[in-house]
Amino acid sequence: MYVCRLLSLTLAGWFLLISTDRVRAQSAMHFVDQTADSGIDFQHVDGGSGARYIVEYISAGVAALDFDGDGLTDLYFLNGGALPGSHHNPTPTNRLYKNLGGFRFQDVTSQAGVGDDGHGLGVAAADVDGDGDQDLFVNNFGPNVLYLNQGDGTFAVSPDNDKLKCAERVGAGVSFLDIDADGVVDLFVANYVDFSFESPVTRQFRGHSIYPSPQDFAPVADRLFHGQGDGNFKDISQSSGLSDVAGTGMGCLVTDFDKDGDSDIFVCNDVMANFLLENDGSGNFAEIGLLSGAAFDFAGVPQGSMGVAGGDVDLDGHVDLLVTSYQEEAAVLYRNSGAGYFEDLTVKAGELRHTVPDVTWGVGLCDFDLDGDLDAFMASGHLMDNVSQTDDTQTYAARNFVFENDGQGSFTNVTDQAGPGLDSIAVSRGTVQTDLDNDGDIDVVVLNSNASPRLLENRTQANHHWLQLELHGTSATRDGLGAAVTVVAGDFHLVQEVYSGSGYQSHSGRRLCFGLGDETGSVTVDVRWLDAPAERFENLPVDQLHVLIQGQGTPAQ
């Protein structure tokens, strides 16, 4: 995000903008904004006071989790902190909202004890201590915090929290994972830049004050913590190889890109090469971003990479990556070749080029119309609040995007046809996609900078069938982290993985959602656990949520 990109398009941007438009399809997708009547009164602040600290515009993410185990997905919003020179009354804090059903929510932050007042950036949830409920980790600018769920609607700060604080770091995305398939939850923490209030950087452009670039600061190594099984962690950043490389981390995703049975880590780096940290199976990592083809775009240019979503967009059985980016760069589709490397297929991916003029942040790949392929949602909004004064083609607030997949990995921009929920103009950051009302389709939550969030109910009338899954590990982690799931229904062979932490510094929950089109027959599900042979679960009826418990299936063929 450097100044010269405010002056001219990148080579890739020019190429994408002049590509021929496809004929617009009429979308069946339909979203309605339910925020006003939801009971969610959260207001995000970035902590800004006019000093333009770089940590202001990168805040913040949102998490979807069922913290009380009642079968309804709750929401946890991160807030920015009160930075020097800013004054807020009351002090901004993170907020937890309990899902009451019917798109109604109740603020339970105080009762739950999760009102952290740090400068929130990234968040993820998982059952860290194996007691059956979802714990929370918040990655801040400043001290981080691990909240352990007590199982009674309250959380307590982990006794081991001091090891995880990383107080000197500017946090970013975060993921829980199992690096060595020992059934114990580990923690990956991305970091952004080496920033402090004692050495701020100021910038001017065309006579106006602007935010500095990440290139004005030194990059920072990410951190890896090995779980001890009781909510405690050991810092293994150096011995695992993560300390060998430093980047400007933002969003991250844990995925087994090469299908060798272990968890690798993709990290979006801002205006520098992305990282792909390849796991050797024992929790040691080598950075292979350049060798894998996922470091740069097709022109060999480092993107202002923000967020990342993983999913099999072309139904070939391999998890691809969709990465959001800065103004005058298209969001990039990295297709997984299945041979250990990625190809930038953005040019062939239809109308993803429509993101070129915008800054995109949160991203999700999910089947909104339940037709059996993965569509895309992207949150949009500039980072410069005065951008229109330096570039009359730009605005601070923007519309978010919805793209419809044709089943072969080519996307059509259907934002204009996707209902009134997409009419909102805001400065969006983190987003999650999950079924908030348990009706089988996927809804959307968007955190907006310095504003209220948006809850978008999916009211698509496609009359398609669906299947939802939650994994319950026994020898594997309780959440089945890193497990690969294949759903077979008629001609559909649909692949997803269990993630904790994705998009832009956010967490969309542990539930896997599959669209099945017109298929009504029973479904077969194969689960490849990280620590055990694959299992098969057969004769699952459609249009239901199923909990698959490790050990209760039969050996997969």
Protein backbone atom coordinates (compact mmCIF):
# COMPACT_ATOMS: atom_id res chain seq x y z
CA MET A 1 0.00 0.00 0.00
CA TYR A 2 2.61 2.49 -1.04
CA VAL A 3 2.13 5.96 -2.45
CA CYS A 4 3.07 5.18 -6.03
CA ARG A 5 0.04 2.90 -6.21
CA LEU A 6 -2.10 5.98 -5.66
CA LEU A 7 -0.71 7.41 -8.89
CA SER A 8 -1.10 4.61 -11.42
CA LEU A 9 -2.47 1.13 -11.97
CA THR A 10 -0.24 -1.89 -11.69
CA LEU A 11 0.42 -3.89 -14.83
CA ALA A 12 -1.90 -6.59 -13.56
CA GLY A 13 -4.59 -4.04 -12.79
CA TRP A 14 -4.49 -2.59 -16.29
CA PHE A 15 -4.69 -6.03 -17.85
CA LEU A 16 -7.67 -7.01 -15.76
CA LEU A 17 -9.57 -3.77 -16.30
CA ILE A 18 -9.42 -4.00 -20.08
CA SER A 19 -10.58 -7.63 -20.18
CA THR A 20 -13.91 -8.13 -21.90
CA ASP A 21 -16.98 -8.24 -19.65
CA ARG A 22 -19.12 -11.33 -19.61
CA VAL A 23 -22.88 -11.08 -19.85
CA ARG A 24 -24.29 -10.55 -16.38
CA ALA A 25 -26.38 -13.41 -15.02
CA GLN A 26 -29.46 -12.81 -12.93
CA SER A 27 -28.60 -14.01 -9.45
CA ALA A 28 -30.96 -15.97 -7.24
CA MET A 29 -29.04 -14.77 -4.20
CA HIS A 30 -30.93 -12.42 -1.94
CA PHE A 31 -29.68 -10.80 1.27
CA VAL A 32 -31.62 -8.61 3.70
CA ASP A 33 -30.04 -6.37 6.36
CA GLN A 34 -31.36 -7.45 9.77
CA THR A 35 -29.06 -5.30 11.90
CA ALA A 36 -31.62 -2.75 13.08
CA ASP A 37 -33.85 -5.28 14.84
CA SER A 38 -31.12 -7.69 15.93
CA GLY A 39 -30.29 -6.18 19.32
CA ILE A 40 -26.65 -5.75 18.30
CA ASP A 41 -25.67 -2.22 19.29
CA PHE A 42 -21.89 -2.62 18.90
CA GLN A 43 -19.99 0.39 17.56
CA HIS A 44 -16.44 -0.08 16.36
CA VAL A 45 -13.80 2.62 16.84
CA ASP A 46 -10.31 2.56 15.35
CA GLY A 47 -8.82 4.67 18.16
CA GLY A 48 -7.76 7.42 15.81
CA SER A 49 -7.12 10.98 16.94
CA GLY A 50 -5.73 12.49 13.75
CA ALA A 51 -2.18 11.21 14.29
CA ARG A 52 -2.72 8.51 11.62
CA TYR A 53 -1.04 5.61 13.37
CA ILE A 54 -0.80 2.63 11.03
CA VAL A 55 -2.51 0.37 13.59
CA GLU A 56 -5.77 2.30 13.22
CA TYR A 57 -6.87 1.15 9.81
CA ILE A 58 -6.05 -2.55 10.22
CA SER A 59 -8.65 -3.07 12.99
CA ALA A 60 -10.55 -5.47 13.22
CA GLY A 61 -11.97 -9.00 12.98
CA VAL A 62 -15.11 -10.79 14.18
CA ALA A 63 -15.73 -14.35 15.39
CA ALA A 64 -18.71 -16.69 15.03
CA LEU A 65 -18.88 -19.39 17.71
CA ASP A 66 -21.38 -21.27 19.85
CA PHE A 67 -19.89 -20.32 23.21
CA ASP A 68 -22.72 -21.79 25.32
CA GLY A 69 -23.38 -24.98 23.34
CA ASP A 70 -27.06 -24.29 22.66
CA GLY A 71 -26.80 -24.94 18.92
CA LEU A 72 -27.05 -21.27 17.94
CA THR A 73 -24.08 -19.33 16.58
CA ASP A 74 -23.07 -16.37 18.73
CA LEU A 75 -20.97 -13.36 17.67
CA TYR A 76 -17.87 -11.74 19.15
CA PHE A 77 -16.80 -8.36 17.78
CA LEU A 78 -13.32 -6.93 18.27
CA ASN A 79 -12.90 -3.23 18.93
CA GLY A 80 -10.05 -0.80 18.49
CA GLY A 81 -8.42 0.65 21.59
CA ALA A 82 -8.15 4.24 22.75
CA LEU A 83 -4.84 5.25 21.16
CA PRO A 84 -2.82 8.28 22.37
CA GLY A 85 -4.68 11.52 21.74
CA SER A 86 -8.10 9.89 21.40
CA HIS A 87 -10.83 10.14 24.00
CA HIS A 88 -13.74 7.73 24.34
CA ASN A 89 -16.39 7.50 27.01
CA PRO A 90 -17.07 4.73 27.73
CA THR A 91 -13.83 2.93 26.92
CA PRO A 92 -14.26 0.83 23.75
CA THR A 93 -14.22 -2.91 24.40
CA ASN A 94 -14.83 -6.14 22.54
CA ARG A 95 -18.43 -7.34 22.75
CA LEU A 96 -20.03 -10.81 22.89
CA TYR A 97 -23.62 -11.30 21.72
CA LYS A 98 -25.62 -14.42 22.51
CA ASN A 99 -27.84 -15.68 19.69
CA LEU A 100 -31.46 -15.91 20.89
CA GLY A 101 -32.76 -17.23 17.56
CA GLY A 102 -34.69 -15.45 14.83
CA PHE A 103 -31.86 -12.97 14.25
CA ARG A 104 -32.16 -11.63 17.79
CA PHE A 105 -29.08 -11.22 19.98
CA GLN A 106 -28.32 -10.23 23.57
CA ASP A 107 -25.16 -8.49 24.81
CA VAL A 108 -23.60 -10.80 27.42
CA THR A 109 -20.11 -9.28 27.45
CA SER A 110 -20.08 -8.32 31.11
CA GLN A 111 -21.52 -11.61 32.35
CA ALA A 112 -19.12 -13.60 30.16
CA GLY A 113 -16.05 -11.55 31.14
CA VAL A 114 -14.68 -11.05 27.62
CA GLY A 115 -14.74 -7.23 27.33
CA ASP A 116 -11.06 -6.84 26.48
CA ASP A 117 -10.17 -3.17 25.98
CA GLY A 118 -7.00 -3.72 23.95
CA HIS A 119 -6.63 -2.61 20.34
CA GLY A 120 -8.24 -5.66 18.75
CA LEU A 121 -7.04 -7.02 15.42
CA GLY A 122 -7.41 -10.80 15.00
CA VAL A 123 -9.50 -13.51 16.68
CA ALA A 124 -10.05 -17.28 16.54
CA ALA A 125 -11.91 -19.87 18.61
CA ALA A 126 -11.34 -23.53 19.44
CA ASP A 127 -11.65 -25.99 22.31
CA VAL A 128 -8.13 -25.40 23.60
CA ASP A 129 -8.31 -27.50 26.77
CA GLY A 130 -10.52 -30.31 25.49
CA ASP A 131 -13.39 -29.72 27.91
CA GLY A 132 -16.07 -29.50 25.23
CA ASP A 133 -16.56 -25.76 24.82
CA GLN A 134 -15.12 -23.00 22.66
CA ASP A 135 -12.28 -20.83 23.95
CA LEU A 136 -11.20 -17.48 22.46
CA PHE A 137 -7.86 -15.94 21.54
CA VAL A 138 -7.62 -12.21 20.78
CA ASN A 139 -4.59 -10.92 18.86
CA ASN A 140 -4.06 -7.25 19.75
CA PHE A 141 -1.74 -4.40 19.12
CA GLY A 142 -0.32 -4.78 22.58
CA PRO A 143 -0.95 -7.63 25.02
CA ASN A 144 -2.93 -10.54 23.59
CA VAL A 145 -5.43 -12.49 25.66
CA LEU A 146 -6.56 -16.14 25.79
CA TYR A 147 -10.02 -16.60 27.30
CA LEU A 148 -10.83 -20.12 28.55
CA ASN A 149 -14.53 -21.00 28.46
CA GLN A 150 -15.70 -22.17 31.88
CA GLY A 151 -18.76 -23.98 30.52
CA ASP A 152 -21.23 -21.88 32.51
CA GLY A 153 -21.51 -18.88 30.19
CA THR A 154 -18.36 -17.24 31.54
CA PHE A 155 -14.72 -17.06 30.49
CA ALA A 156 -11.51 -16.70 32.50
CA VAL A 157 -8.16 -15.41 31.32
CA SER A 158 -5.82 -18.37 30.92
CA PRO A 159 -3.31 -18.79 33.77
CA ASP A 160 -0.72 -19.20 31.01
CA ASN A 161 -1.68 -15.93 29.31
CA ASP A 162 1.62 -14.15 30.00
CA LYS A 163 3.41 -16.45 27.52
CA LEU A 164 0.96 -15.43 24.79
CA LYS A 165 0.79 -11.67 25.38
CA CYS A 166 3.50 -10.70 22.87
CA ALA A 167 2.97 -7.19 24.20
CA GLU A 168 5.41 -5.53 21.84
CA ARG A 169 3.77 -6.87 18.68
CA VAL A 170 1.21 -5.52 16.22
CA GLY A 171 -1.05 -8.53 15.89
CA ALA A 172 -2.97 -9.72 12.86
CA GLY A 173 -4.66 -12.99 11.87
CA VAL A 174 -4.62 -15.95 14.22
CA SER A 175 -5.38 -19.67 13.85
CA PHE A 176 -5.69 -22.64 16.15
CA LEU A 177 -4.30 -25.84 14.60
CA ASP A 178 -2.65 -29.17 15.38
CA ILE A 179 0.87 -28.98 13.97
CA ASP A 180 1.99 -32.52 14.83
CA ALA A 181 -1.26 -34.53 14.91
CA ASP A 182 -0.96 -35.23 18.63
CA GLY A 183 -4.56 -34.26 19.32
CA VAL A 184 -3.54 -31.13 21.23
CA VAL A 185 -4.47 -27.64 20.03
CA ASP A 186 -1.58 -25.38 19.00
CA LEU A 187 -1.67 -21.66 18.17
CA PHE A 188 -0.33 -19.64 15.23
CA VAL A 189 -0.17 -15.85 15.65
CA ALA A 190 0.55 -13.59 12.67
CA ASN A 191 2.25 -10.23 13.25
CA TYR A 192 2.31 -7.10 11.12
CA VAL A 193 5.07 -4.49 11.54
CA ASP A 194 7.49 -3.14 14.14
CA PHE A 195 5.53 -0.07 15.23
CA SER A 196 5.67 1.98 18.41
CA PHE A 197 4.26 5.33 19.47
CA GLU A 198 7.82 6.45 20.29
CA SER A 199 8.81 6.32 16.61
CA PRO A 200 5.76 7.20 14.52
CA VAL A 201 5.97 7.81 10.77
CA THR A 202 4.06 10.63 9.08
CA ARG A 203 3.37 10.99 5.38
CA GLN A 204 2.06 13.69 3.05
CA PHE A 205 0.55 13.17 -0.41
CA ARG A 206 -0.65 16.01 -2.65
CA GLY A 207 -0.68 18.32 0.34
CA HIS A 208 -2.71 16.01 2.56
CA SER A 209 -1.75 13.92 5.54
CA ILE A 210 -2.05 10.18 4.80
CA TYR A 211 -1.37 6.95 6.64
CA PRO A 212 2.14 5.51 6.36
CA SER A 213 2.83 2.31 4.43
CA PRO A 214 3.88 -0.99 5.97
CA GLN A 215 7.06 -0.48 3.97
CA ASP A 216 7.88 2.39 6.35
CA PHE A 217 8.43 -0.17 9.11
CA ALA A 218 10.40 -3.36 9.59
CA PRO A 219 8.44 -6.61 9.11
CA VAL A 220 8.00 -8.91 12.10
CA ALA A 221 8.28 -12.68 12.48
CA ASP A 222 5.10 -14.60 13.27
CA ARG A 223 4.79 -16.75 16.39
CA LEU A 224 3.93 -20.41 16.98
CA PHE A 225 2.91 -21.90 20.31
CA HIS A 226 2.78 -25.63 21.05
CA GLY A 227 -0.20 -26.66 23.15
CA GLN A 228 0.35 -28.62 26.35
CA GLY A 229 -3.22 -29.97 26.46
CA ASP A 230 -4.42 -28.04 29.50
CA GLY A 231 -4.71 -24.54 28.08
CA ASN A 232 -0.98 -23.89 28.49
CA PHE A 233 1.43 -23.24 25.62
CA LYS A 234 5.15 -23.27 24.86
CA ASP A 235 6.67 -20.79 22.41
CA ILE A 236 8.35 -22.83 19.65
CA SER A 237 8.67 -20.03 17.09
CA GLN A 238 12.43 -20.46 16.80
CA SER A 239 12.70 -24.25 16.88
CA SER A 240 9.84 -24.65 14.36
CA GLY A 241 11.50 -22.36 11.80
CA LEU A 242 8.99 -19.50 11.95
CA SER A 243 11.53 -17.07 13.39
CA ASP A 244 13.68 -17.50 10.26
CA VAL A 245 11.37 -15.26 8.19
CA ALA A 246 9.70 -11.93 8.91
CA GLY A 247 6.67 -10.57 7.09
CA THR A 248 3.89 -8.02 7.24
CA GLY A 249 1.24 -10.57 8.22
CA MET A 250 -2.47 -9.85 7.96
CA GLY A 251 -4.96 -12.68 7.33
CA CYS A 252 -3.91 -16.32 7.59
CA LEU A 253 -5.28 -19.79 6.86
CA VAL A 254 -4.24 -23.27 7.95
CA THR A 255 -4.70 -25.80 5.13
CA ASP A 256 -3.17 -29.06 3.96
CA PHE A 257 -2.46 -27.71 0.49
CA ASP A 258 -0.42 -30.73 -0.64
CA LYS A 259 -2.64 -33.41 0.94
CA ASP A 260 0.22 -35.04 2.81
CA GLY A 261 -1.78 -35.29 6.02
CA ASP A 262 -0.45 -32.32 7.98
CA SER A 263 -1.36 -28.68 8.47
CA ASP A 264 0.45 -25.99 6.46
CA ILE A 265 0.01 -22.24 7.00
CA PHE A 266 -0.66 -19.53 4.39
CA VAL A 267 -0.02 -15.93 5.50
CA CYS A 268 -1.12 -12.81 3.64
CA ASN A 269 1.76 -10.32 3.71
CA ASP A 270 1.05 -6.67 2.95
CA VAL A 271 3.08 -5.36 -0.01
CA MET A 272 5.59 -8.18 0.17
CA ALA A 273 5.70 -11.86 -0.77
CA ASN A 274 3.05 -14.03 0.87
CA PHE A 275 4.27 -16.94 3.00
CA LEU A 276 3.37 -20.58 2.57
CA LEU A 277 4.79 -22.39 5.58
CA GLU A 278 5.10 -26.07 4.69
CA ASN A 279 4.84 -28.50 7.59
CA ASP A 280 7.09 -31.56 7.63
CA GLY A 281 4.54 -33.43 9.72
CA SER A 282 6.28 -32.95 13.04
CA GLY A 283 5.67 -29.22 13.44
CA ASN A 284 8.75 -27.90 11.67
CA PHE A 285 8.09 -25.43 8.86
CA ALA A 286 9.85 -24.24 5.71
CA GLU A 287 8.76 -21.08 3.89
CA ILE A 288 8.00 -22.02 0.24
CA GLY A 289 5.79 -19.14 -0.91
CA LEU A 290 7.91 -18.37 -3.96
CA LEU A 291 8.39 -22.01 -4.93
CA SER A 292 4.68 -22.71 -4.55
CA GLY A 293 3.53 -19.83 -6.78
CA ALA A 294 1.50 -18.20 -3.99
CA ALA A 295 3.95 -15.44 -3.08
CA PHE A 296 3.09 -12.99 -5.90
CA ASP A 297 0.41 -12.37 -8.51
CA PHE A 298 0.75 -13.59 -12.11
CA ALA A 299 2.84 -10.52 -13.02
CA GLY A 300 5.35 -11.30 -10.27
CA VAL A 301 4.18 -8.34 -8.19
CA PRO A 302 3.68 -8.49 -4.41
CA GLN A 303 0.09 -7.62 -3.57
CA GLY A 304 -1.28 -5.66 -0.64
CA SER A 305 -2.67 -8.98 0.57
CA MET A 306 -5.33 -8.59 3.26
CA GLY A 307 -7.49 -11.67 3.82
CA VAL A 308 -7.64 -15.25 2.56
CA ALA A 309 -10.37 -17.85 2.11
CA GLY A 310 -9.80 -21.50 1.26
CA GLY A 311 -12.11 -23.70 -0.79
CA ASP A 312 -12.38 -25.96 -3.81
CA VAL A 313 -13.74 -23.42 -6.29
CA ASP A 314 -13.44 -25.62 -9.41
CA LEU A 315 -14.57 -28.91 -7.82
CA ASP A 316 -11.36 -30.77 -8.60
CA GLY A 317 -10.85 -31.95 -5.02
CA HIS A 318 -8.10 -29.47 -4.10
CA VAL A 319 -8.38 -26.42 -1.83
CA ASP A 320 -7.75 -23.15 -3.69
CA LEU A 321 -7.01 -19.74 -2.16
CA LEU A 322 -8.85 -16.46 -2.72
CA VAL A 323 -6.84 -13.47 -1.46
CA THR A 324 -8.11 -9.89 -1.14
CA SER A 325 -5.90 -6.91 -1.88
CA TYR A 326 -5.38 -3.17 -2.13
CA GLN A 327 -6.74 -0.53 -4.52
CA GLU A 328 -5.78 -1.06 -8.18
CA GLU A 329 -5.08 -4.75 -7.57
CA ALA A 330 -7.63 -7.48 -8.19
CA ALA A 331 -8.41 -10.03 -5.54
CA VAL A 332 -6.28 -13.02 -6.55
CA LEU A 333 -7.47 -16.59 -7.12
CA TYR A 334 -4.63 -19.03 -6.56
CA ARG A 335 -5.71 -22.37 -8.04
CA ASN A 336 -4.27 -25.42 -6.36
CA SER A 337 -2.84 -27.59 -9.12
CA GLY A 338 -2.78 -30.68 -6.94
CA ALA A 339 0.90 -31.08 -7.77
CA GLY A 340 2.32 -28.99 -4.93
CA TYR A 341 2.00 -25.53 -6.45
CA PHE A 342 -0.56 -22.78 -7.14
CA GLU A 343 -1.43 -20.88 -10.33
CA ASP A 344 -2.79 -17.33 -10.41
CA LEU A 345 -5.97 -17.81 -12.45
CA THR A 346 -7.52 -14.44 -11.68
CA VAL A 347 -7.67 -13.44 -15.35
CA LYS A 348 -9.60 -16.63 -16.17
CA ALA A 349 -11.82 -16.33 -13.10
CA GLY A 350 -14.42 -14.07 -14.69
CA GLU A 351 -15.33 -10.86 -12.93
CA LEU A 352 -12.99 -10.92 -9.95
CA ARG A 353 -11.33 -8.06 -11.84
CA HIS A 354 -14.25 -5.88 -10.69
CA THR A 355 -12.40 -5.60 -7.38
CA VAL A 356 -9.51 -3.70 -9.04
CA PRO A 357 -10.70 -0.19 -8.09
CA ASP A 358 -11.40 -1.12 -4.46
CA VAL A 359 -9.60 -2.11 -1.27
CA THR A 360 -10.93 -5.52 -0.21
CA TRP A 361 -10.46 -7.07 3.24
CA GLY A 362 -12.59 -9.88 4.68
CA VAL A 363 -13.40 -12.76 2.35
CA GLY A 364 -15.29 -16.02 2.41
CA LEU A 365 -15.87 -18.90 0.00
CA CYS A 366 -19.25 -20.52 0.66
CA ASP A 367 -22.27 -21.84 -1.22
CA PHE A 368 -24.83 -19.08 -0.76
CA ASP A 369 -27.37 -20.53 -3.23
CA LEU A 370 -26.74 -24.17 -2.20
CA ASP A 371 -26.18 -25.28 -5.80
CA GLY A 372 -23.03 -27.26 -5.00
CA ASP A 373 -20.26 -24.75 -5.72
CA LEU A 374 -18.55 -22.07 -3.67
CA ASP A 375 -19.50 -18.44 -4.18
CA ALA A 376 -17.55 -15.51 -2.74
CA PHE A 377 -18.21 -12.59 -0.41
CA MET A 378 -15.72 -9.74 -0.01
CA ALA A 379 -15.75 -6.82 2.40
CA SER A 380 -14.64 -3.51 0.91
CA GLY A 381 -13.67 -0.04 2.08
CA HIS A 382 -10.65 2.21 1.75
CA LEU A 383 -8.10 2.75 4.51
CA MET A 384 -7.54 6.47 3.80
CA ASP A 385 -10.41 8.48 5.30
CA ASN A 386 -9.46 11.43 3.09
CA VAL A 387 -8.76 9.44 -0.09
CA SER A 388 -11.24 11.47 -2.15
CA GLN A 389 -9.08 14.56 -1.53
CA THR A 390 -6.05 12.90 -3.14
CA ASP A 391 -7.85 10.76 -5.74
CA ASP A 392 -11.22 11.89 -7.07
CA THR A 393 -11.94 8.38 -8.39
CA GLN A 394 -12.01 6.94 -4.88
CA THR A 395 -14.27 7.08 -1.82
CA TYR A 396 -13.60 6.00 1.75
CA ALA A 397 -16.79 3.96 2.09
CA ALA A 398 -17.73 1.36 -0.52
CA ARG A 399 -20.11 -1.49 -1.27
CA ASN A 400 -19.20 -5.05 -0.47
CA PHE A 401 -19.10 -7.72 -3.18
CA VAL A 402 -20.93 -10.98 -3.87
CA PHE A 403 -19.68 -13.25 -6.66
CA GLU A 404 -21.52 -16.27 -8.04
CA ASN A 405 -19.48 -19.31 -9.10
CA ASP A 406 -20.34 -21.19 -12.28
CA GLY A 407 -19.01 -24.44 -10.81
CA GLN A 408 -15.76 -24.26 -12.74
CA GLY A 409 -14.07 -21.49 -10.78
CA SER A 410 -15.31 -18.57 -12.88
CA PHE A 411 -17.12 -15.85 -10.96
CA THR A 412 -19.83 -13.36 -11.92
CA ASN A 413 -20.26 -10.17 -9.93
CA VAL A 414 -23.90 -10.35 -8.77
CA THR A 415 -23.71 -7.62 -6.13
CA ASP A 416 -26.31 -5.48 -7.88
CA GLN A 417 -28.78 -8.39 -8.06
CA ALA A 418 -28.19 -9.85 -4.57
CA GLY A 419 -30.82 -7.90 -2.65
CA PRO A 420 -31.03 -4.77 -0.49
CA GLY A 421 -28.53 -6.12 2.03
CA LEU A 422 -25.77 -5.27 -0.43
CA ASP A 423 -26.86 -1.64 -0.84
CA SER A 424 -25.00 -0.48 2.26
CA ILE A 425 -22.00 1.82 1.84
CA ALA A 426 -19.46 1.39 4.63
CA VAL A 427 -15.78 0.94 5.49
CA SER A 428 -15.75 -2.81 6.02
CA ARG A 429 -13.01 -4.98 7.50
CA GLY A 430 -13.57 -8.45 9.00
CA THR A 431 -16.46 -10.68 7.92
CA VAL A 432 -17.79 -14.12 8.77
CA GLN A 433 -20.15 -16.41 6.89
CA THR A 434 -22.26 -18.81 8.94
CA ASP A 435 -25.83 -20.05 9.41
CA LEU A 436 -27.15 -17.70 12.08
CA ASP A 437 -30.77 -18.92 12.07
CA ASN A 438 -30.24 -22.66 11.45
CA ASP A 439 -32.29 -22.66 8.26
CA GLY A 440 -29.55 -24.35 6.20
CA ASP A 441 -28.23 -21.41 4.22
CA ILE A 442 -25.28 -19.16 4.97
CA ASP A 443 -25.70 -15.65 6.35
CA VAL A 444 -23.06 -12.91 6.53
CA VAL A 445 -21.77 -10.65 9.31
CA VAL A 446 -19.56 -7.66 8.50
CA LEU A 447 -17.55 -5.54 10.94
CA ASN A 448 -17.38 -1.93 9.78
CA SER A 449 -14.64 0.46 10.88
CA ASN A 450 -15.87 3.33 13.07
CA ALA A 451 -19.47 2.23 12.62
CA SER A 452 -21.99 -0.46 13.48
CA PRO A 453 -21.70 -3.95 11.93
CA ARG A 454 -24.09 -5.44 9.40
CA LEU A 455 -26.01 -8.72 9.73
CA LEU A 456 -27.15 -9.96 6.33
CA GLU A 457 -29.79 -12.69 6.33
CA ASN A 458 -29.66 -15.02 3.35
CA ARG A 459 -33.16 -15.26 1.88
CA THR A 460 -32.18 -16.93 -1.37
CA GLN A 461 -35.15 -18.87 -2.76
CA ALA A 462 -33.36 -21.58 -4.69
CA ASN A 463 -35.17 -24.53 -3.05
CA HIS A 464 -31.93 -26.46 -2.96
CA HIS A 465 -30.90 -29.04 -0.40
CA TRP A 466 -28.02 -28.89 2.04
CA LEU A 467 -25.95 -30.72 4.63
CA GLN A 468 -24.16 -29.26 7.64
CA LEU A 469 -21.48 -31.02 9.67
CA GLU A 470 -19.67 -30.54 12.95
CA LEU A 471 -16.74 -32.80 13.75
CA HIS A 472 -16.04 -34.16 17.20
CA GLY A 473 -12.57 -35.58 17.60
CA THR A 474 -11.70 -38.09 20.30
CA SER A 475 -8.00 -38.79 19.74
CA ALA A 476 -7.89 -35.83 17.33
CA THR A 477 -8.57 -32.31 18.62
CA ARG A 478 -12.09 -31.91 19.92
CA ASP A 479 -12.97 -29.60 16.98
CA GLY A 480 -11.37 -31.88 14.38
CA LEU A 481 -8.97 -29.09 13.40
CA GLY A 482 -7.33 -29.72 10.04
CA ALA A 483 -9.59 -32.61 9.10
CA ALA A 484 -10.45 -32.95 5.41
CA VAL A 485 -14.09 -33.79 4.65
CA THR A 486 -15.47 -35.18 1.38
CA VAL A 487 -19.24 -35.22 0.84
CA VAL A 488 -20.57 -37.56 -1.86
CA ALA A 489 -24.16 -37.02 -2.99
CA GLY A 490 -25.17 -38.09 -6.48
CA ASP A 491 -22.69 -36.47 -8.85
CA PHE A 492 -21.35 -34.14 -6.17
CA HIS A 493 -17.92 -34.74 -4.62
CA LEU A 494 -17.45 -31.75 -2.34
CA VAL A 495 -14.31 -31.10 -0.30
CA GLN A 496 -13.88 -28.83 2.73
CA GLU A 497 -11.45 -28.56 5.63
CA VAL A 498 -12.02 -27.61 9.28
CA TYR A 499 -10.51 -24.17 9.93
CA SER A 500 -10.06 -22.04 13.02
CA GLY A 501 -9.33 -18.50 11.82
CA SER A 502 -9.63 -17.31 8.22
CA GLY A 503 -10.66 -14.35 6.07
CA TYR A 504 -9.40 -11.04 7.39
CA GLN A 505 -8.39 -11.66 11.01
CA SER A 506 -11.72 -13.40 11.67
CA HIS A 507 -13.26 -16.78 12.54
CA SER A 508 -16.34 -18.20 10.79
CA GLY A 509 -16.92 -21.08 13.19
CA ARG A 510 -16.45 -24.84 13.13
CA ARG A 511 -19.58 -25.80 11.17
CA LEU A 512 -19.12 -27.03 7.59
CA CYS A 513 -21.95 -26.13 5.19
CA PHE A 514 -22.52 -27.96 1.88
CA GLY A 515 -25.02 -27.11 -0.85
CA LEU A 516 -26.46 -30.17 -2.62
CA GLY A 517 -28.59 -28.67 -5.37
CA ASP A 518 -31.49 -30.99 -6.22
CA GLU A 519 -29.99 -34.06 -4.54
CA THR A 520 -32.43 -35.61 -2.06
CA GLY A 521 -30.91 -39.03 -1.47
CA SER A 522 -28.75 -40.02 1.48
CA VAL A 523 -25.21 -38.70 1.66
CA THR A 524 -21.86 -40.37 2.29
CA VAL A 525 -19.15 -38.44 4.14
CA ASP A 526 -15.48 -39.36 4.35
CA VAL A 527 -13.44 -37.69 7.10
CA ARG A 528 -9.65 -37.74 7.02
CA TRP A 529 -8.62 -36.97 10.58
CA LEU A 530 -5.11 -35.65 11.12
CA ASP A 531 -4.14 -38.37 13.59
CA ALA A 532 -5.97 -41.46 12.33
CA PRO A 533 -7.14 -43.33 9.20
CA ALA A 534 -10.05 -41.87 7.31
CA GLU A 535 -13.56 -42.82 8.36
CA ARG A 536 -16.78 -43.10 6.37
CA PHE A 537 -20.21 -42.02 7.61
CA GLU A 538 -23.01 -43.30 5.40
CA ASN A 539 -26.73 -42.77 4.83
CA LEU A 540 -26.87 -39.26 6.25
CA PRO A 541 -30.19 -37.54 5.40
CA VAL A 542 -30.09 -34.14 3.72
CA ASP A 543 -31.29 -30.82 5.13
CA GLN A 544 -29.88 -31.57 8.58
CA LEU A 545 -26.92 -30.76 10.81
CA HIS A 546 -24.96 -33.91 11.71
CA VAL A 547 -22.32 -34.25 14.43
CA LEU A 548 -19.70 -36.79 13.32
CA ILE A 549 -17.84 -38.36 16.24
CA GLN A 550 -14.42 -39.84 15.59
CA GLY A 551 -14.48 -43.62 15.94
CA GLN A 552 -18.17 -44.03 15.10
CA GLY A 553 -17.68 -44.30 11.35
CA THR A 554 -16.34 -47.23 9.34
CA PRO A 555 -12.96 -47.37 7.59
CA ALA A 556 -13.06 -45.31 4.39
CA GLN A 557 -12.11 -47.04 1.18
